[in-house]
Amino acid sequence: MKNNSSIVYYVAGVFLLSVLLKAFGVVDFSIIEYSGYVLVFYGIIVVINHFGNYERIALFSGTTIFMLGILLITISYFEFPDLRLLILPVTMFICSAGFAVLFIEDRKYFLSAILSVIFLSVGLAVIFKRGKLNLNLFALSVQRVVIEYWAVFVITLVLSFLWSRKR
């Protein structure tokens, strides 16, 4: 990765500064939530730095780091009665996202699109089979996330558009 050590230092510095601010009562967040934000930030940086270079392992790893960050943020905002039930579907969703990014980078790598759909389908099937989620509840949850994070989605789309024009 380009400037890998400097990115790690920046992420570590921001994380330590935030922990100090929390210790002194300046900010209020859980360590799990903030760790999620750090992983999301770092995952995005990894994917941006490796996108277009056909470095599949780095892209898959960056996507995985990003998705683990999303998982930590989700866990901090929502109450789950048994986190063990999330292991299999979350693993499937993370793999699905990783393969989707690989397909977005190189559309000739059609196998990654197929694997992405398979992993997504298996993850959804596990959730629906356990009976803990129905389509209405799922749609309401997605709607709540979109309403809460619409600005993040818009900023991400604008940055992606600007970045793609730059290349």
N, C-alpha and C. Protein backbone atom coordinates (compact mmCIF):
# COMPACT_ATOMS: atom_id res chain seq x y z
N MET A 1 0.85 -1.17 0.00
CA MET A 1 0.00 0.00 0.00
C MET A 1 0.88 1.23 0.00
N LYS A 2 0.43 2.24 -0.70
CA LYS A 2 1.15 3.50 -0.74
C LYS A 2 1.10 4.14 0.65
N ASN A 3 2.26 4.56 1.13
CA ASN A 3 2.34 5.24 2.42
C ASN A 3 1.68 4.43 3.54
N ASN A 4 1.89 3.13 3.54
CA ASN A 4 1.25 2.26 4.51
C ASN A 4 1.60 2.65 5.94
N SER A 5 2.87 2.91 6.21
CA SER A 5 3.26 3.22 7.58
C SER A 5 2.67 4.55 8.04
N SER A 6 2.59 5.55 7.17
CA SER A 6 2.04 6.83 7.60
C SER A 6 0.54 6.71 7.88
N ILE A 7 -0.18 5.91 7.09
CA ILE A 7 -1.61 5.72 7.34
C ILE A 7 -1.82 5.03 8.67
N VAL A 8 -1.02 4.01 8.95
CA VAL A 8 -1.13 3.30 10.22
C VAL A 8 -0.87 4.26 11.38
N TYR A 9 0.14 5.12 11.24
CA TYR A 9 0.44 6.08 12.30
C TYR A 9 -0.69 7.08 12.50
N TYR A 10 -1.27 7.56 11.40
CA TYR A 10 -2.40 8.49 11.52
C TYR A 10 -3.60 7.84 12.20
N VAL A 11 -3.91 6.63 11.78
CA VAL A 11 -5.04 5.92 12.39
C VAL A 11 -4.77 5.67 13.87
N ALA A 12 -3.57 5.22 14.20
CA ALA A 12 -3.22 4.97 15.59
C ALA A 12 -3.24 6.26 16.40
N GLY A 13 -2.74 7.36 15.81
CA GLY A 13 -2.74 8.64 16.50
C GLY A 13 -4.14 9.16 16.78
N VAL A 14 -5.00 9.08 15.79
CA VAL A 14 -6.39 9.52 15.98
C VAL A 14 -7.07 8.65 17.03
N PHE A 15 -6.81 7.35 16.97
CA PHE A 15 -7.41 6.44 17.94
C PHE A 15 -6.94 6.77 19.37
N LEU A 16 -5.64 6.95 19.56
CA LEU A 16 -5.11 7.27 20.89
C LEU A 16 -5.61 8.63 21.38
N LEU A 17 -5.66 9.62 20.49
CA LEU A 17 -6.19 10.93 20.88
C LEU A 17 -7.64 10.81 21.31
N SER A 18 -8.41 10.04 20.59
CA SER A 18 -9.82 9.87 20.95
C SER A 18 -9.98 9.15 22.28
N VAL A 19 -9.14 8.16 22.53
CA VAL A 19 -9.19 7.46 23.81
C VAL A 19 -8.86 8.42 24.95
N LEU A 20 -7.87 9.28 24.75
CA LEU A 20 -7.53 10.29 25.77
C LEU A 20 -8.69 11.26 25.98
N LEU A 21 -9.31 11.71 24.90
CA LEU A 21 -10.45 12.63 25.02
C LEU A 21 -11.61 11.96 25.76
N LYS A 22 -11.80 10.68 25.53
CA LYS A 22 -12.84 9.95 26.26
C LYS A 22 -12.47 9.82 27.73
N ALA A 23 -11.21 9.55 28.01
CA ALA A 23 -10.76 9.40 29.40
C ALA A 23 -10.98 10.69 30.19
N PHE A 24 -10.82 11.83 29.53
CA PHE A 24 -11.02 13.12 30.20
C PHE A 24 -12.46 13.61 30.11
N GLY A 25 -13.34 12.83 29.52
CA GLY A 25 -14.75 13.17 29.47
C GLY A 25 -15.13 14.19 28.41
N VAL A 26 -14.25 14.44 27.46
CA VAL A 26 -14.55 15.40 26.40
C VAL A 26 -15.51 14.82 25.38
N VAL A 27 -15.35 13.54 25.04
CA VAL A 27 -16.24 12.86 24.10
C VAL A 27 -16.81 11.63 24.78
N ASP A 28 -17.94 11.17 24.25
CA ASP A 28 -18.58 10.00 24.82
C ASP A 28 -18.91 9.00 23.72
N PHE A 29 -18.20 7.90 23.71
CA PHE A 29 -18.44 6.81 22.76
C PHE A 29 -17.89 5.54 23.39
N SER A 30 -18.37 4.42 22.88
CA SER A 30 -17.82 3.16 23.37
C SER A 30 -16.58 2.82 22.57
N ILE A 31 -15.69 2.08 23.18
CA ILE A 31 -14.48 1.66 22.50
C ILE A 31 -14.82 0.79 21.30
N ILE A 32 -15.85 -0.04 21.42
CA ILE A 32 -16.26 -0.89 20.30
C ILE A 32 -16.73 -0.01 19.14
N GLU A 33 -17.53 0.99 19.43
CA GLU A 33 -18.02 1.88 18.37
C GLU A 33 -16.88 2.61 17.69
N TYR A 34 -15.97 3.15 18.48
CA TYR A 34 -14.87 3.89 17.88
C TYR A 34 -13.93 2.97 17.11
N SER A 35 -13.70 1.77 17.62
CA SER A 35 -12.89 0.80 16.89
C SER A 35 -13.52 0.51 15.54
N GLY A 36 -14.84 0.45 15.51
CA GLY A 36 -15.55 0.25 14.25
C GLY A 36 -15.27 1.38 13.27
N TYR A 37 -15.31 2.62 13.74
CA TYR A 37 -15.03 3.75 12.86
C TYR A 37 -13.59 3.72 12.35
N VAL A 38 -12.66 3.34 13.21
CA VAL A 38 -11.26 3.24 12.79
C VAL A 38 -11.11 2.17 11.71
N LEU A 39 -11.76 1.02 11.90
CA LEU A 39 -11.67 -0.05 10.90
C LEU A 39 -12.33 0.37 9.59
N VAL A 40 -13.45 1.06 9.66
CA VAL A 40 -14.10 1.55 8.44
C VAL A 40 -13.17 2.50 7.70
N PHE A 41 -12.59 3.44 8.41
CA PHE A 41 -11.67 4.40 7.80
C PHE A 41 -10.48 3.69 7.17
N TYR A 42 -9.86 2.80 7.92
CA TYR A 42 -8.68 2.10 7.42
C TYR A 42 -9.05 1.20 6.23
N GLY A 43 -10.18 0.52 6.29
CA GLY A 43 -10.61 -0.33 5.19
C GLY A 43 -10.82 0.46 3.92
N ILE A 44 -11.44 1.63 4.03
CA ILE A 44 -11.65 2.49 2.86
C ILE A 44 -10.30 2.91 2.26
N ILE A 45 -9.36 3.28 3.12
CA ILE A 45 -8.03 3.70 2.64
C ILE A 45 -7.35 2.56 1.90
N VAL A 46 -7.42 1.36 2.46
CA VAL A 46 -6.78 0.20 1.81
C VAL A 46 -7.40 -0.05 0.44
N VAL A 47 -8.73 -0.03 0.36
CA VAL A 47 -9.39 -0.29 -0.92
C VAL A 47 -9.06 0.81 -1.93
N ILE A 48 -9.10 2.07 -1.53
CA ILE A 48 -8.79 3.16 -2.45
C ILE A 48 -7.35 3.05 -2.96
N ASN A 49 -6.43 2.74 -2.09
CA ASN A 49 -5.03 2.66 -2.49
C ASN A 49 -4.73 1.49 -3.42
N HIS A 50 -5.53 0.44 -3.36
CA HIS A 50 -5.24 -0.75 -4.17
C HIS A 50 -6.20 -0.93 -5.34
N PHE A 51 -7.24 -0.13 -5.40
CA PHE A 51 -8.22 -0.28 -6.47
C PHE A 51 -7.59 0.12 -7.80
N GLY A 52 -7.76 -0.71 -8.79
CA GLY A 52 -7.20 -0.44 -10.11
C GLY A 52 -5.82 -1.03 -10.33
N ASN A 53 -5.24 -1.58 -9.27
CA ASN A 53 -3.91 -2.19 -9.38
C ASN A 53 -3.97 -3.71 -9.49
N TYR A 54 -5.18 -4.25 -9.50
CA TYR A 54 -5.42 -5.70 -9.60
C TYR A 54 -4.72 -6.47 -8.49
N GLU A 55 -4.74 -5.90 -7.30
CA GLU A 55 -4.19 -6.56 -6.11
C GLU A 55 -5.36 -7.13 -5.32
N ARG A 56 -5.78 -8.32 -5.72
CA ARG A 56 -7.00 -8.91 -5.19
C ARG A 56 -6.95 -9.17 -3.69
N ILE A 57 -5.83 -9.62 -3.19
CA ILE A 57 -5.74 -9.92 -1.75
C ILE A 57 -5.90 -8.63 -0.94
N ALA A 58 -5.25 -7.56 -1.38
CA ALA A 58 -5.35 -6.29 -0.66
C ALA A 58 -6.78 -5.75 -0.73
N LEU A 59 -7.42 -5.85 -1.89
CA LEU A 59 -8.80 -5.37 -2.02
C LEU A 59 -9.75 -6.18 -1.14
N PHE A 60 -9.59 -7.49 -1.17
CA PHE A 60 -10.46 -8.34 -0.35
C PHE A 60 -10.21 -8.05 1.14
N SER A 61 -8.95 -7.88 1.52
CA SER A 61 -8.61 -7.58 2.92
C SER A 61 -9.17 -6.23 3.34
N GLY A 62 -9.03 -5.22 2.50
CA GLY A 62 -9.56 -3.89 2.82
C GLY A 62 -11.07 -3.91 2.97
N THR A 63 -11.73 -4.65 2.10
CA THR A 63 -13.18 -4.78 2.20
C THR A 63 -13.57 -5.50 3.48
N THR A 64 -12.82 -6.53 3.83
CA THR A 64 -13.09 -7.27 5.07
C THR A 64 -12.91 -6.38 6.28
N ILE A 65 -11.85 -5.59 6.30
CA ILE A 65 -11.61 -4.66 7.41
C ILE A 65 -12.76 -3.66 7.51
N PHE A 66 -13.17 -3.12 6.36
CA PHE A 66 -14.29 -2.18 6.33
C PHE A 66 -15.56 -2.82 6.89
N MET A 67 -15.87 -4.02 6.43
CA MET A 67 -17.09 -4.70 6.87
C MET A 67 -17.04 -5.06 8.36
N LEU A 68 -15.87 -5.41 8.87
CA LEU A 68 -15.74 -5.67 10.31
C LEU A 68 -16.01 -4.38 11.09
N GLY A 69 -15.57 -3.27 10.57
CA GLY A 69 -15.88 -1.98 11.20
C GLY A 69 -17.37 -1.71 11.21
N ILE A 70 -18.03 -1.99 10.10
CA ILE A 70 -19.48 -1.83 10.03
C ILE A 70 -20.15 -2.73 11.07
N LEU A 71 -19.65 -3.95 11.21
CA LEU A 71 -20.19 -4.88 12.21
C LEU A 71 -20.06 -4.30 13.61
N LEU A 72 -18.89 -3.77 13.95
CA LEU A 72 -18.70 -3.21 15.30
C LEU A 72 -19.61 -2.01 15.54
N ILE A 73 -19.77 -1.17 14.54
CA ILE A 73 -20.67 -0.03 14.68
C ILE A 73 -22.11 -0.51 14.87
N THR A 74 -22.51 -1.50 14.09
CA THR A 74 -23.86 -2.06 14.20
C THR A 74 -24.09 -2.66 15.58
N ILE A 75 -23.12 -3.39 16.08
CA ILE A 75 -23.24 -4.01 17.41
C ILE A 75 -23.38 -2.93 18.48
N SER A 76 -22.70 -1.79 18.30
CA SER A 76 -22.78 -0.75 19.31
C SER A 76 -24.11 0.01 19.27
N TYR A 77 -24.79 0.02 18.12
CA TYR A 77 -26.06 0.75 18.00
C TYR A 77 -27.29 -0.10 18.22
N PHE A 78 -27.19 -1.39 17.95
CA PHE A 78 -28.35 -2.27 18.06
C PHE A 78 -28.09 -3.34 19.09
N GLU A 79 -29.15 -3.80 19.72
CA GLU A 79 -29.04 -4.82 20.74
C GLU A 79 -29.32 -6.19 20.13
N PHE A 80 -28.37 -7.09 20.26
CA PHE A 80 -28.51 -8.45 19.74
C PHE A 80 -28.54 -9.40 20.94
N PRO A 81 -29.57 -10.24 21.04
CA PRO A 81 -29.67 -11.12 22.18
C PRO A 81 -28.56 -12.18 22.23
N ASP A 82 -28.13 -12.66 21.07
CA ASP A 82 -27.09 -13.69 21.03
C ASP A 82 -26.17 -13.42 19.84
N LEU A 83 -25.01 -12.85 20.11
CA LEU A 83 -24.08 -12.49 19.05
C LEU A 83 -23.54 -13.70 18.30
N ARG A 84 -23.57 -14.87 18.93
CA ARG A 84 -23.08 -16.08 18.26
C ARG A 84 -23.90 -16.41 17.02
N LEU A 85 -25.17 -16.01 17.02
CA LEU A 85 -26.02 -16.28 15.86
C LEU A 85 -25.62 -15.44 14.64
N LEU A 86 -24.82 -14.41 14.86
CA LEU A 86 -24.40 -13.55 13.77
C LEU A 86 -23.16 -14.06 13.03
N ILE A 87 -22.43 -14.98 13.62
CA ILE A 87 -21.13 -15.37 13.06
C ILE A 87 -21.25 -15.86 11.62
N LEU A 88 -22.11 -16.83 11.35
CA LEU A 88 -22.21 -17.38 10.00
C LEU A 88 -22.75 -16.37 9.00
N PRO A 89 -23.88 -15.70 9.27
CA PRO A 89 -24.36 -14.74 8.26
C PRO A 89 -23.40 -13.57 8.03
N VAL A 90 -22.77 -13.08 9.08
CA VAL A 90 -21.84 -11.97 8.91
C VAL A 90 -20.64 -12.41 8.08
N THR A 91 -20.15 -13.61 8.32
CA THR A 91 -19.04 -14.13 7.52
C THR A 91 -19.45 -14.21 6.05
N MET A 92 -20.65 -14.67 5.79
CA MET A 92 -21.14 -14.76 4.41
C MET A 92 -21.26 -13.37 3.78
N PHE A 93 -21.77 -12.38 4.53
CA PHE A 93 -21.91 -11.03 4.00
C PHE A 93 -20.55 -10.39 3.73
N ILE A 94 -19.59 -10.63 4.60
CA ILE A 94 -18.25 -10.08 4.41
C ILE A 94 -17.62 -10.68 3.16
N CYS A 95 -17.74 -11.98 2.99
CA CYS A 95 -17.21 -12.63 1.78
C CYS A 95 -17.92 -12.11 0.54
N SER A 96 -19.22 -11.93 0.62
CA SER A 96 -19.99 -11.41 -0.50
C SER A 96 -19.50 -10.01 -0.90
N ALA A 97 -19.29 -9.15 0.08
CA ALA A 97 -18.81 -7.80 -0.21
C ALA A 97 -17.40 -7.83 -0.80
N GLY A 98 -16.55 -8.69 -0.29
CA GLY A 98 -15.19 -8.80 -0.82
C GLY A 98 -15.18 -9.21 -2.28
N PHE A 99 -15.98 -10.23 -2.61
CA PHE A 99 -16.04 -10.67 -4.00
C PHE A 99 -16.72 -9.64 -4.89
N ALA A 100 -17.67 -8.90 -4.35
CA ALA A 100 -18.32 -7.84 -5.13
C ALA A 100 -17.32 -6.75 -5.50
N VAL A 101 -16.45 -6.38 -4.58
CA VAL A 101 -15.43 -5.37 -4.86
C VAL A 101 -14.44 -5.89 -5.91
N LEU A 102 -14.10 -7.17 -5.82
CA LEU A 102 -13.21 -7.75 -6.83
C LEU A 102 -13.85 -7.70 -8.22
N PHE A 103 -15.15 -7.94 -8.29
CA PHE A 103 -15.83 -7.87 -9.58
C PHE A 103 -15.93 -6.43 -10.07
N ILE A 104 -16.17 -5.49 -9.18
CA ILE A 104 -16.24 -4.07 -9.58
C ILE A 104 -14.90 -3.62 -10.15
N GLU A 105 -13.81 -4.10 -9.57
CA GLU A 105 -12.50 -3.70 -10.07
C GLU A 105 -12.21 -4.30 -11.45
N ASP A 106 -12.55 -5.56 -11.64
CA ASP A 106 -12.25 -6.24 -12.90
C ASP A 106 -13.47 -7.04 -13.33
N ARG A 107 -14.24 -6.47 -14.22
CA ARG A 107 -15.49 -7.10 -14.65
C ARG A 107 -15.26 -8.39 -15.44
N LYS A 108 -14.04 -8.63 -15.86
CA LYS A 108 -13.73 -9.89 -16.53
C LYS A 108 -13.68 -11.05 -15.53
N TYR A 109 -13.50 -10.72 -14.27
CA TYR A 109 -13.42 -11.73 -13.22
C TYR A 109 -14.85 -12.04 -12.76
N PHE A 110 -15.61 -12.64 -13.67
CA PHE A 110 -17.03 -12.89 -13.45
C PHE A 110 -17.29 -13.89 -12.32
N LEU A 111 -16.32 -14.76 -12.06
CA LEU A 111 -16.47 -15.73 -10.98
C LEU A 111 -16.69 -15.02 -9.64
N SER A 112 -16.08 -13.87 -9.47
CA SER A 112 -16.27 -13.14 -8.20
C SER A 112 -17.70 -12.64 -8.05
N ALA A 113 -18.34 -12.28 -9.15
CA ALA A 113 -19.75 -11.86 -9.08
C ALA A 113 -20.63 -13.04 -8.68
N ILE A 114 -20.36 -14.18 -9.24
CA ILE A 114 -21.12 -15.39 -8.89
C ILE A 114 -20.91 -15.74 -7.43
N LEU A 115 -19.66 -15.70 -6.98
CA LEU A 115 -19.37 -16.01 -5.56
C LEU A 115 -20.02 -14.99 -4.64
N SER A 116 -20.04 -13.72 -5.04
CA SER A 116 -20.68 -12.70 -4.23
C SER A 116 -22.17 -12.98 -4.05
N VAL A 117 -22.84 -13.33 -5.12
CA VAL A 117 -24.27 -13.63 -5.06
C VAL A 117 -24.51 -14.89 -4.21
N ILE A 118 -23.66 -15.89 -4.36
CA ILE A 118 -23.82 -17.13 -3.58
C ILE A 118 -23.66 -16.85 -2.09
N PHE A 119 -22.60 -16.13 -1.72
CA PHE A 119 -22.38 -15.83 -0.30
C PHE A 119 -23.51 -14.96 0.27
N LEU A 120 -23.97 -13.99 -0.50
CA LEU A 120 -25.08 -13.15 -0.06
C LEU A 120 -26.34 -13.99 0.14
N SER A 121 -26.61 -14.87 -0.79
CA SER A 121 -27.80 -15.73 -0.70
C SER A 121 -27.73 -16.66 0.51
N VAL A 122 -26.57 -17.24 0.74
CA VAL A 122 -26.42 -18.13 1.89
C VAL A 122 -26.61 -17.35 3.19
N GLY A 123 -26.02 -16.16 3.28
CA GLY A 123 -26.18 -15.34 4.49
C GLY A 123 -27.63 -14.98 4.75
N LEU A 124 -28.34 -14.57 3.71
CA LEU A 124 -29.76 -14.24 3.87
C LEU A 124 -30.57 -15.48 4.20
N ALA A 125 -30.25 -16.61 3.58
CA ALA A 125 -30.98 -17.85 3.86
C ALA A 125 -30.81 -18.27 5.32
N VAL A 126 -29.61 -18.13 5.85
CA VAL A 126 -29.37 -18.48 7.26
C VAL A 126 -30.20 -17.58 8.17
N ILE A 127 -30.23 -16.30 7.86
CA ILE A 127 -31.00 -15.37 8.69
C ILE A 127 -32.49 -15.70 8.64
N PHE A 128 -33.02 -15.90 7.44
CA PHE A 128 -34.45 -16.19 7.31
C PHE A 128 -34.81 -17.56 7.89
N LYS A 129 -33.90 -18.54 7.78
CA LYS A 129 -34.17 -19.88 8.29
C LYS A 129 -34.27 -19.88 9.82
N ARG A 130 -33.46 -19.08 10.44
CA ARG A 130 -33.48 -19.02 11.91
C ARG A 130 -34.73 -18.33 12.43
N GLY A 131 -35.47 -17.68 11.55
CA GLY A 131 -36.73 -17.07 11.93
C GLY A 131 -36.60 -15.81 12.75
N LYS A 132 -35.42 -15.23 12.78
CA LYS A 132 -35.20 -14.02 13.58
C LYS A 132 -35.42 -12.74 12.77
N LEU A 133 -35.67 -12.89 11.49
CA LEU A 133 -35.81 -11.72 10.64
C LEU A 133 -36.85 -12.02 9.57
N ASN A 134 -37.73 -11.07 9.37
CA ASN A 134 -38.66 -11.20 8.26
C ASN A 134 -38.44 -10.02 7.31
N LEU A 135 -39.06 -10.06 6.16
CA LEU A 135 -38.81 -9.03 5.14
C LEU A 135 -39.22 -7.64 5.61
N ASN A 136 -40.33 -7.52 6.34
CA ASN A 136 -40.77 -6.21 6.82
C ASN A 136 -39.77 -5.62 7.82
N LEU A 137 -39.32 -6.44 8.76
CA LEU A 137 -38.34 -5.99 9.74
C LEU A 137 -37.03 -5.61 9.06
N PHE A 138 -36.62 -6.41 8.08
CA PHE A 138 -35.39 -6.14 7.34
C PHE A 138 -35.51 -4.81 6.59
N ALA A 139 -36.64 -4.59 5.91
CA ALA A 139 -36.84 -3.34 5.16
C ALA A 139 -36.85 -2.13 6.10
N LEU A 140 -37.50 -2.27 7.27
CA LEU A 140 -37.52 -1.17 8.23
C LEU A 140 -36.12 -0.87 8.76
N SER A 141 -35.33 -1.90 9.00
CA SER A 141 -33.96 -1.70 9.48
C SER A 141 -33.11 -1.01 8.43
N VAL A 142 -33.22 -1.44 7.18
CA VAL A 142 -32.47 -0.80 6.10
C VAL A 142 -32.90 0.66 5.96
N GLN A 143 -34.20 0.91 6.03
CA GLN A 143 -34.70 2.28 5.93
C GLN A 143 -34.14 3.15 7.05
N ARG A 144 -34.09 2.62 8.27
CA ARG A 144 -33.56 3.37 9.40
C ARG A 144 -32.08 3.70 9.21
N VAL A 145 -31.31 2.75 8.70
CA VAL A 145 -29.88 2.98 8.46
C VAL A 145 -29.70 4.03 7.38
N VAL A 146 -30.47 3.95 6.30
CA VAL A 146 -30.36 4.92 5.21
C VAL A 146 -30.71 6.32 5.70
N ILE A 147 -31.77 6.44 6.48
CA ILE A 147 -32.16 7.74 7.01
C ILE A 147 -31.08 8.29 7.95
N GLU A 148 -30.52 7.43 8.76
CA GLU A 148 -29.50 7.85 9.73
C GLU A 148 -28.19 8.24 9.05
N TYR A 149 -27.79 7.51 8.01
CA TYR A 149 -26.47 7.70 7.41
C TYR A 149 -26.53 8.19 5.97
N TRP A 150 -27.58 8.90 5.58
CA TRP A 150 -27.70 9.35 4.21
C TRP A 150 -26.54 10.24 3.81
N ALA A 151 -26.06 11.06 4.73
CA ALA A 151 -24.95 11.97 4.41
C ALA A 151 -23.68 11.18 4.09
N VAL A 152 -23.44 10.11 4.82
CA VAL A 152 -22.27 9.28 4.57
C VAL A 152 -22.36 8.66 3.17
N PHE A 153 -23.55 8.20 2.80
CA PHE A 153 -23.74 7.61 1.48
C PHE A 153 -23.49 8.65 0.38
N VAL A 154 -24.01 9.86 0.56
CA VAL A 154 -23.83 10.91 -0.44
C VAL A 154 -22.35 11.28 -0.57
N ILE A 155 -21.67 11.46 0.55
CA ILE A 155 -20.25 11.81 0.53
C ILE A 155 -19.44 10.71 -0.14
N THR A 156 -19.76 9.46 0.17
CA THR A 156 -19.05 8.33 -0.44
C THR A 156 -19.27 8.31 -1.95
N LEU A 157 -20.50 8.53 -2.39
CA LEU A 157 -20.78 8.55 -3.82
C LEU A 157 -20.05 9.68 -4.53
N VAL A 158 -20.05 10.87 -3.93
CA VAL A 158 -19.36 12.02 -4.53
C VAL A 158 -17.86 11.76 -4.60
N LEU A 159 -17.27 11.26 -3.52
CA LEU A 159 -15.84 10.97 -3.52
C LEU A 159 -15.50 9.88 -4.54
N SER A 160 -16.34 8.87 -4.64
CA SER A 160 -16.11 7.81 -5.63
C SER A 160 -16.17 8.36 -7.04
N PHE A 161 -17.15 9.22 -7.30
CA PHE A 161 -17.27 9.84 -8.62
C PHE A 161 -16.04 10.68 -8.94
N LEU A 162 -15.63 11.52 -7.99
CA LEU A 162 -14.46 12.36 -8.22
C LEU A 162 -13.20 11.53 -8.40
N TRP A 163 -13.08 10.47 -7.62
CA TRP A 163 -11.90 9.61 -7.72
C TRP A 163 -11.88 8.89 -9.06
N SER A 164 -13.03 8.43 -9.54
CA SER A 164 -13.07 7.72 -10.82
C SER A 164 -12.76 8.66 -11.98
N ARG A 165 -13.15 9.92 -11.88
CA ARG A 165 -12.83 10.90 -12.93
C ARG A 165 -11.36 11.22 -12.95
N LYS A 166 -10.71 11.18 -11.78
CA LYS A 166 -9.29 11.48 -11.66
C LYS A 166 -8.44 10.42 -12.36
N ARG A 167 -8.91 9.18 -12.34
CA ARG A 167 -8.16 8.07 -12.91
C ARG A 167 -8.28 8.14 -14.38
